[in-house]
Amino acid sequence: MNDDILKGKWHQLKGQAKETWGELTDDDLDKVDGQSERLVGVLQERYGKSVEEAKQAVERWKEKVA
């Protein structure tokens, strides 16, 4: 799933993101607004992941929900 599709479907996918990463708040998900890089940043903050770990987690999630 590319970023344009992610942004377009973000309102539908927010629930799935919250199921995957339970520590994310509604404010976090609103901040992400369907942008992969913002999601990576939020995952780094909430879970203490490295940039690479967060990017890999986002890519795996995008493949799963595609």
C-alpha atoms as a PDB file:
ATOM      1  CA  MET A   1       0.000   0.000   0.000  1.00  0.00           C
ATOM      2  CA  ASN A   2       1.479   3.326  -0.957  1.00  0.00           C
ATOM      3  CA  ASP A   3       1.170   6.506   1.067  1.00  0.00           C
ATOM      4  CA  ASP A   4      -1.559   8.014  -1.143  1.00  0.00           C
ATOM      5  CA  ILE A   5      -3.821   5.024  -0.502  1.00  0.00           C
ATOM      6  CA  LEU A   6      -2.943   5.081   3.190  1.00  0.00           C
ATOM      7  CA  LYS A   7      -3.898   8.738   3.453  1.00  0.00           C
ATOM      8  CA  GLY A   8      -7.151   8.179   1.551  1.00  0.00           C
ATOM      9  CA  LYS A   9      -8.181   5.241   3.740  1.00  0.00           C
ATOM     10  CA  TRP A  10      -6.768   6.557   7.002  1.00  0.00           C
ATOM     11  CA  HIS A  11     -10.146   7.034   8.715  1.00  0.00           C
ATOM     12  CA  GLN A  12     -10.991   3.396   7.974  1.00  0.00           C
ATOM     13  CA  LEU A  13      -7.565   2.138   9.038  1.00  0.00           C
ATOM     14  CA  LYS A  14      -7.211   4.058  12.305  1.00  0.00           C
ATOM     15  CA  GLY A  15      -9.029   1.330  14.226  1.00  0.00           C
ATOM     16  CA  GLN A  16      -6.747  -1.338  12.827  1.00  0.00           C
ATOM     17  CA  ALA A  17      -3.709   0.737  13.723  1.00  0.00           C
ATOM     18  CA  LYS A  18      -4.975   1.076  17.281  1.00  0.00           C
ATOM     19  CA  GLU A  19      -5.544  -2.704  17.477  1.00  0.00           C
ATOM     20  CA  THR A  20      -1.980  -3.308  16.292  1.00  0.00           C
ATOM     21  CA  TRP A  21      -0.388  -0.671  18.506  1.00  0.00           C
ATOM     22  CA  GLY A  22      -2.581  -0.447  21.585  1.00  0.00           C
ATOM     23  CA  GLU A  23      -0.548   2.311  23.207  1.00  0.00           C
ATOM     24  CA  LEU A  24      -1.437   4.800  20.476  1.00  0.00           C
ATOM     25  CA  THR A  25      -3.975   7.410  21.519  1.00  0.00           C
ATOM     26  CA  ASP A  26      -6.652   8.989  19.375  1.00  0.00           C
ATOM     27  CA  ASP A  27      -4.535  12.157  19.400  1.00  0.00           C
ATOM     28  CA  ASP A  28      -1.558  10.162  18.092  1.00  0.00           C
ATOM     29  CA  LEU A  29      -3.660   8.741  15.275  1.00  0.00           C
ATOM     30  CA  ASP A  30      -5.054  12.187  14.423  1.00  0.00           C
ATOM     31  CA  LYS A  31      -1.488  13.535  14.316  1.00  0.00           C
ATOM     32  CA  VAL A  32      -0.434  10.765  11.917  1.00  0.00           C
ATOM     33  CA  ASP A  33      -3.220  11.701   9.481  1.00  0.00           C
ATOM     34  CA  GLY A  34      -2.378   8.818   7.152  1.00  0.00           C
ATOM     35  CA  GLN A  35       1.291   9.659   6.681  1.00  0.00           C
ATOM     36  CA  SER A  36       3.741   6.781   7.081  1.00  0.00           C
ATOM     37  CA  GLU A  37       6.613   8.961   8.283  1.00  0.00           C
ATOM     38  CA  ARG A  38       4.469  10.464  11.028  1.00  0.00           C
ATOM     39  CA  LEU A  39       3.372   6.972  12.082  1.00  0.00           C
ATOM     40  CA  VAL A  40       7.022   5.946  12.261  1.00  0.00           C
ATOM     41  CA  GLY A  41       7.738   8.936  14.510  1.00  0.00           C
ATOM     42  CA  VAL A  42       4.813   8.202  16.804  1.00  0.00           C
ATOM     43  CA  LEU A  43       5.875   4.555  17.127  1.00  0.00           C
ATOM     44  CA  GLN A  44       9.379   5.705  18.042  1.00  0.00           C
ATOM     45  CA  GLU A  45       7.964   7.931  20.784  1.00  0.00           C
ATOM     46  CA  ARG A  46       5.463   5.465  22.242  1.00  0.00           C
ATOM     47  CA  TYR A  47       7.438   2.256  21.954  1.00  0.00           C
ATOM     48  CA  GLY A  48      11.054   3.438  22.037  1.00  0.00           C
ATOM     49  CA  LYS A  49      11.762   1.846  18.657  1.00  0.00           C
ATOM     50  CA  SER A  50      14.638   2.814  16.418  1.00  0.00           C
ATOM     51  CA  VAL A  51      13.804   4.476  13.123  1.00  0.00           C
ATOM     52  CA  GLU A  52      14.505   1.247  11.249  1.00  0.00           C
ATOM     53  CA  GLU A  53      12.400  -0.877  13.612  1.00  0.00           C
ATOM     54  CA  ALA A  54       9.487   1.539  13.350  1.00  0.00           C
ATOM     55  CA  LYS A  55       9.738   1.701   9.540  1.00  0.00           C
ATOM     56  CA  GLN A  56       9.735  -2.098   9.319  1.00  0.00           C
ATOM     57  CA  ALA A  57       6.721  -2.313  11.645  1.00  0.00           C
ATOM     58  CA  VAL A  58       4.799   0.198   9.535  1.00  0.00           C
ATOM     59  CA  GLU A  59       5.661  -1.597   6.288  1.00  0.00           C
ATOM     60  CA  ARG A  60       4.539  -4.959   7.719  1.00  0.00           C
ATOM     61  CA  TRP A  61       1.303  -3.385   8.935  1.00  0.00           C
ATOM     62  CA  LYS A  62       0.633  -1.718   5.575  1.00  0.00           C
ATOM     63  CA  GLU A  63       1.095  -5.072   3.796  1.00  0.00           C
ATOM     64  CA  LYS A  64      -1.274  -6.729   6.253  1.00  0.00           C
ATOM     65  CA  VAL A  65      -4.098  -4.180   5.861  1.00  0.00           C
ATOM     66  CA  ALA A  66      -3.695  -3.714   2.107  1.00  0.00           C
END
